[in-house]
């Protein structure tokens, strides 16, 4: 059975994924290696992005409710090709400490600036922690690909990532510019979500579960067998939670998922930029 990630879980997993990222960087043969999943970037570019981003979000959380994001670190303070590898690792570790320290000090309910104003995710430190976990986990995946290591997303991180993406990156009050549509996403680990697209915008919800129909929520076909959808969707996408998340973020193609229904709705959704 999948357990909901609470705020302390998010902080712990942020630290774990950040540790994993630093380990990849420490063992990388070279930092000028290209990152195939981030076109045009080298591993050093990815290092700077991860570290600078965590410092900026740490400052933003620490600032509390505000009308704008806090200023980021000066680019001159970030690693360059001349830095020794231990110094790069220390800088990354300090970036993580700044983010996690600010989150822990704020607590999950304190407000702060976020870019997801009209989504279903809260504009709080808790909302930031949830999204930051996904960013760090995804970029650890990117870094492992860059060095030729086997990439992966931890199960609990990926399961939370499906819902977090739908609530944060898809949900909006901006009108859907096409015919109304219903899209279902089924994770093989036993969870399903529905995204409703209409003139009122996009709203996501977790589908109820028929426990009697599927006592084993970890079965590979659990999502298909016991997602108790109230009515049929126009299109449904199925895969593991990691496969769904990687498709959402453009790391793997849509055809990596099992699709049923009108595939063009998913193409339109991927192209839609409501804000």
Protein backbone atom coordinates (compact mmCIF):
# COMPACT_ATOMS: atom_id res chain seq x y z
CA UNK A 1 0.00 0.00 0.00
CA UNK A 2 1.37 3.42 -0.94
CA UNK A 3 1.79 5.81 1.98
CA UNK A 4 1.11 9.51 1.58
CA UNK A 5 4.26 11.62 1.75
CA UNK A 6 4.10 14.00 4.71
CA UNK A 7 6.23 17.15 5.05
CA UNK A 8 9.06 15.37 6.95
CA UNK A 9 9.08 12.69 4.24
CA UNK A 10 9.47 15.34 1.56
CA UNK A 11 12.43 16.93 3.34
CA UNK A 12 14.08 13.55 3.87
CA UNK A 13 13.61 12.58 0.22
CA UNK A 14 14.90 15.95 -1.00
CA UNK A 15 18.08 15.30 0.97
CA UNK A 16 18.31 11.73 -0.34
CA UNK A 17 17.92 12.75 -3.97
CA UNK A 18 20.34 15.65 -3.49
CA UNK A 19 22.88 13.21 -2.04
CA UNK A 20 22.36 10.95 -5.05
CA UNK A 21 22.89 13.89 -7.42
CA UNK A 22 26.13 14.87 -5.69
CA UNK A 23 27.35 11.28 -5.87
CA UNK A 24 26.82 11.22 -9.63
CA UNK A 25 28.69 14.50 -10.02
CA UNK A 26 31.54 13.37 -7.76
CA UNK A 27 32.07 10.19 -9.82
CA UNK A 28 31.53 11.74 -13.27
CA UNK A 29 34.59 11.39 -15.53
CA UNK A 30 34.06 14.93 -16.79
CA UNK A 31 31.68 17.81 -16.17
CA UNK A 32 31.58 18.93 -19.79
CA UNK A 33 29.64 15.80 -20.75
CA UNK A 34 26.41 16.56 -22.59
CA UNK A 35 23.10 15.87 -20.85
CA UNK A 36 20.92 14.20 -23.52
CA UNK A 37 17.67 14.89 -21.65
CA UNK A 38 18.52 18.61 -21.32
CA UNK A 39 19.54 19.57 -24.88
CA UNK A 40 22.35 22.11 -25.05
CA UNK A 41 23.40 21.58 -21.44
CA UNK A 42 26.54 20.03 -20.03
CA UNK A 43 26.71 18.32 -16.67
CA UNK A 44 28.29 21.50 -15.29
CA UNK A 45 25.30 23.51 -16.55
CA UNK A 46 23.03 21.07 -14.76
CA UNK A 47 25.08 21.39 -11.56
CA UNK A 48 24.77 25.17 -11.66
CA UNK A 49 21.03 24.98 -12.35
CA UNK A 50 20.41 22.58 -9.47
CA UNK A 51 22.50 24.52 -6.97
CA UNK A 52 21.37 28.00 -7.96
CA UNK A 53 17.75 26.92 -8.08
CA UNK A 54 17.80 25.42 -4.60
CA UNK A 55 19.41 28.56 -3.19
CA UNK A 56 16.80 30.77 -4.86
CA UNK A 57 13.92 28.64 -3.57
CA UNK A 58 15.48 28.58 -0.11
CA UNK A 59 15.56 32.37 -0.09
CA UNK A 60 12.02 32.54 -1.46
CA UNK A 61 10.65 30.27 1.27
CA UNK A 62 12.58 32.18 3.95
CA UNK A 63 11.10 35.47 2.73
CA UNK A 64 7.54 34.27 3.39
CA UNK A 65 4.53 35.72 1.55
CA UNK A 66 5.70 38.04 -1.21
CA UNK A 67 4.75 39.38 -4.63
CA UNK A 68 7.91 38.12 -6.34
CA UNK A 69 10.51 35.41 -6.09
CA UNK A 70 13.59 36.19 -4.00
CA UNK A 71 16.75 37.17 -5.83
CA UNK A 72 18.98 34.28 -6.80
CA UNK A 73 22.70 33.92 -6.10
CA UNK A 74 25.21 35.85 -8.16
CA UNK A 75 26.37 33.74 -11.14
CA UNK A 76 29.97 34.54 -10.21
CA UNK A 77 29.53 32.51 -7.02
CA UNK A 78 28.59 29.32 -8.93
CA UNK A 79 31.00 26.57 -9.99
CA UNK A 80 33.11 26.93 -13.12
CA UNK A 81 35.17 24.42 -15.06
CA UNK A 82 38.20 25.42 -12.98
CA UNK A 83 36.66 24.33 -9.67
CA UNK A 84 38.00 21.18 -8.01
CA UNK A 85 35.42 18.43 -7.63
CA UNK A 86 35.30 18.57 -3.79
CA UNK A 87 34.51 22.28 -3.99
CA UNK A 88 31.64 21.57 -6.39
CA UNK A 89 30.27 18.94 -4.01
CA UNK A 90 30.53 21.30 -1.06
CA UNK A 91 28.71 24.05 -2.97
CA UNK A 92 25.90 21.64 -3.89
CA UNK A 93 25.63 20.43 -0.30
CA UNK A 94 25.37 24.02 0.93
CA UNK A 95 22.62 24.68 -1.64
CA UNK A 96 20.60 21.74 -0.32
CA UNK A 97 21.11 22.83 3.30
CA UNK A 98 19.82 26.31 2.47
CA UNK A 99 16.67 24.94 0.86
CA UNK A 100 15.89 22.27 3.44
CA UNK A 101 16.76 24.58 6.32
CA UNK A 102 14.36 27.24 5.04
CA UNK A 103 11.60 24.68 4.52
CA UNK A 104 12.07 23.16 7.97
CA UNK A 105 12.09 26.58 9.62
CA UNK A 106 8.95 27.69 7.75
CA UNK A 107 6.91 24.54 8.27
CA UNK A 108 4.46 23.21 5.67
CA UNK A 109 1.72 25.84 6.04
CA UNK A 110 3.64 29.09 5.83
CA UNK A 111 2.90 31.05 2.66
CA UNK A 112 5.50 32.12 0.12
CA UNK A 113 5.75 33.22 -3.49
CA UNK A 114 5.22 30.49 -6.09
CA UNK A 115 4.71 30.53 -9.84
CA UNK A 116 1.65 28.23 -9.69
CA UNK A 117 -0.89 30.88 -8.82
CA UNK A 118 -4.06 29.34 -10.31
CA UNK A 119 -3.19 25.69 -9.84
CA UNK A 120 -4.48 23.27 -7.20
CA UNK A 121 -1.20 23.23 -5.30
CA UNK A 122 -0.93 25.43 -2.20
CA UNK A 123 1.29 28.52 -2.31
CA UNK A 124 3.09 27.39 0.82
CA UNK A 125 6.40 25.93 1.92
CA UNK A 126 4.73 22.52 1.79
CA UNK A 127 3.80 23.05 -1.85
CA UNK A 128 7.35 24.15 -2.61
CA UNK A 129 8.81 21.09 -0.86
CA UNK A 130 6.61 18.78 -2.90
CA UNK A 131 7.65 20.36 -6.19
CA UNK A 132 11.32 20.64 -5.22
CA UNK A 133 11.47 16.91 -4.59
CA UNK A 134 10.34 16.30 -8.15
CA UNK A 135 12.84 18.77 -9.61
CA UNK A 136 15.78 17.26 -7.77
CA UNK A 137 14.71 13.69 -8.50
CA UNK A 138 14.28 14.45 -12.20
CA UNK A 139 17.65 16.16 -12.48
CA UNK A 140 19.31 13.24 -10.71
CA UNK A 141 17.79 11.08 -13.44
CA UNK A 142 19.24 13.48 -16.03
CA UNK A 143 22.69 13.39 -14.44
CA UNK A 144 22.77 9.59 -14.40
CA UNK A 145 21.97 9.49 -18.10
CA UNK A 146 24.76 12.00 -18.77
CA UNK A 147 27.36 9.71 -17.21
CA UNK A 148 26.00 6.52 -18.74
CA UNK A 149 24.54 5.14 -15.50
CA UNK A 150 21.19 3.41 -15.29
CA UNK A 151 18.59 6.11 -14.55
CA UNK A 152 15.67 5.61 -12.20
CA UNK A 153 13.01 7.40 -10.16
CA UNK A 154 12.24 5.97 -6.71
CA UNK A 155 8.74 4.48 -6.50
CA UNK A 156 7.38 6.75 -3.75
CA UNK A 157 8.83 9.84 -5.41
CA UNK A 158 7.32 8.92 -8.78
CA UNK A 159 3.88 8.14 -7.35
CA UNK A 160 3.75 11.50 -5.62
CA UNK A 161 5.15 13.07 -8.78
CA UNK A 162 2.19 12.09 -10.95
CA UNK A 163 -0.28 13.89 -8.71
CA UNK A 164 2.07 16.81 -8.04
CA UNK A 165 2.51 17.43 -11.77
CA UNK A 166 -1.22 17.30 -12.46
CA UNK A 167 -2.06 19.59 -9.52
CA UNK A 168 0.79 22.05 -10.08
CA UNK A 169 1.65 22.08 -13.78
CA UNK A 170 -1.69 21.16 -15.38
CA UNK A 171 -4.40 22.58 -13.15
CA UNK A 172 -5.42 26.11 -14.04
CA UNK A 173 -8.45 28.41 -14.25
CA UNK A 174 -7.50 29.46 -17.78
CA UNK A 175 -10.06 28.17 -20.29
CA UNK A 176 -9.19 25.05 -22.26
CA UNK A 177 -9.31 26.25 -25.91
CA UNK A 178 -10.70 23.01 -27.36
CA UNK A 179 -13.76 20.81 -26.88
CA UNK A 180 -14.20 19.66 -23.28
CA UNK A 181 -12.32 16.46 -22.54
CA UNK A 182 -11.64 14.00 -19.75
CA UNK A 183 -8.20 12.41 -19.44
CA UNK A 184 -7.36 9.55 -17.09
CA UNK A 185 -3.88 8.55 -15.95
CA UNK A 186 -3.35 5.09 -14.45
CA UNK A 187 -0.19 4.12 -12.57
CA UNK A 188 0.60 0.42 -12.53
CA UNK A 189 1.33 0.68 -8.81
CA UNK A 190 -2.37 1.12 -8.15
CA UNK A 191 -3.35 4.77 -8.41
CA UNK A 192 -5.37 6.69 -10.95
CA UNK A 193 -6.11 10.35 -11.60
CA UNK A 194 -8.56 12.26 -13.77
CA UNK A 195 -7.94 15.59 -15.51
CA UNK A 196 -11.03 17.51 -16.66
CA UNK A 197 -10.50 20.07 -19.41
CA UNK A 198 -13.21 22.67 -20.09
CA UNK A 199 -13.99 26.34 -20.45
CA UNK A 200 -13.48 26.58 -16.68
CA UNK A 201 -9.89 25.44 -17.05
CA UNK A 202 -8.18 22.20 -16.02
CA UNK A 203 -8.89 20.45 -12.73
CA UNK A 204 -7.32 17.23 -11.51
CA UNK A 205 -8.60 14.69 -9.02
CA UNK A 206 -7.55 11.34 -7.69
CA UNK A 207 -9.98 8.64 -8.73
CA UNK A 208 -11.62 6.64 -5.96
CA UNK A 209 -10.49 3.09 -5.42
CA UNK A 210 -12.63 -0.03 -5.13
CA UNK A 211 -10.62 -1.88 -2.47
CA UNK A 212 -12.82 -4.96 -2.65
CA UNK A 213 -12.13 -5.29 -6.35
CA UNK A 214 -8.37 -5.04 -5.90
CA UNK A 215 -7.09 -6.10 -2.50
CA UNK A 216 -3.50 -6.07 -3.77
CA UNK A 217 -2.78 -2.44 -4.66
CA UNK A 218 0.78 -3.33 -5.68
CA UNK A 219 -0.24 -5.69 -8.46
CA UNK A 220 1.08 -4.69 -11.91
CA UNK A 221 -2.44 -4.43 -13.33
CA UNK A 222 -4.01 -2.93 -10.23
CA UNK A 223 -4.75 0.49 -11.70
CA UNK A 224 -6.68 -0.96 -14.59
CA UNK A 225 -8.60 -3.37 -12.39
CA UNK A 226 -9.76 -1.19 -9.54
CA UNK A 227 -9.78 2.49 -10.48
CA UNK A 228 -13.42 3.26 -9.83
CA UNK A 229 -13.95 5.90 -12.51
CA UNK A 230 -17.44 7.45 -12.42
CA UNK A 231 -17.67 7.52 -16.22
CA UNK A 232 -15.57 6.83 -19.28
CA UNK A 233 -12.66 9.09 -20.20
CA UNK A 234 -12.01 10.43 -23.68
CA UNK A 235 -8.44 9.16 -23.45
CA UNK A 236 -6.49 7.16 -20.88
CA UNK A 237 -2.74 6.73 -20.40
CA UNK A 238 -1.25 3.80 -18.51
CA UNK A 239 2.24 3.05 -17.28
CA UNK A 240 4.31 2.89 -14.14
CA UNK A 241 4.35 6.06 -12.08
CA UNK A 242 7.93 6.68 -13.22
CA UNK A 243 6.92 6.28 -16.87
CA UNK A 244 4.09 8.77 -16.41
CA UNK A 245 6.33 11.35 -14.72
CA UNK A 246 9.08 11.00 -17.31
CA UNK A 247 6.53 11.48 -20.08
CA UNK A 248 5.04 14.51 -18.34
CA UNK A 249 8.46 16.17 -18.22
CA UNK A 250 9.41 15.27 -21.78
CA UNK A 251 12.08 12.73 -20.86
CA UNK A 252 10.35 9.89 -22.70
CA UNK A 253 7.90 10.01 -25.61
CA UNK A 254 4.15 9.71 -25.22
CA UNK A 255 4.16 6.37 -27.04
CA UNK A 256 6.11 4.91 -24.10
CA UNK A 257 2.71 4.74 -22.38
CA UNK A 258 -0.24 2.48 -23.18
CA UNK A 259 -2.92 4.77 -24.64
CA UNK A 260 -6.65 4.23 -25.13
CA UNK A 261 -8.97 6.71 -26.80
CA UNK A 262 -8.36 9.99 -28.61
CA UNK A 263 -4.57 10.46 -28.58
CA UNK A 264 -4.89 13.94 -30.10
CA UNK A 265 -6.21 15.27 -26.79
CA UNK A 266 -2.88 14.42 -25.18
CA UNK A 267 -1.02 16.10 -28.04
CA UNK A 268 -3.09 19.26 -27.55
CA UNK A 269 -2.52 19.11 -23.80
CA UNK A 270 1.25 18.88 -24.29
CA UNK A 271 1.20 21.91 -26.59
CA UNK A 272 -1.10 24.01 -24.38
CA UNK A 273 0.51 26.98 -22.61
CA UNK A 274 -2.31 28.59 -20.63
CA UNK A 275 -0.20 31.19 -18.80
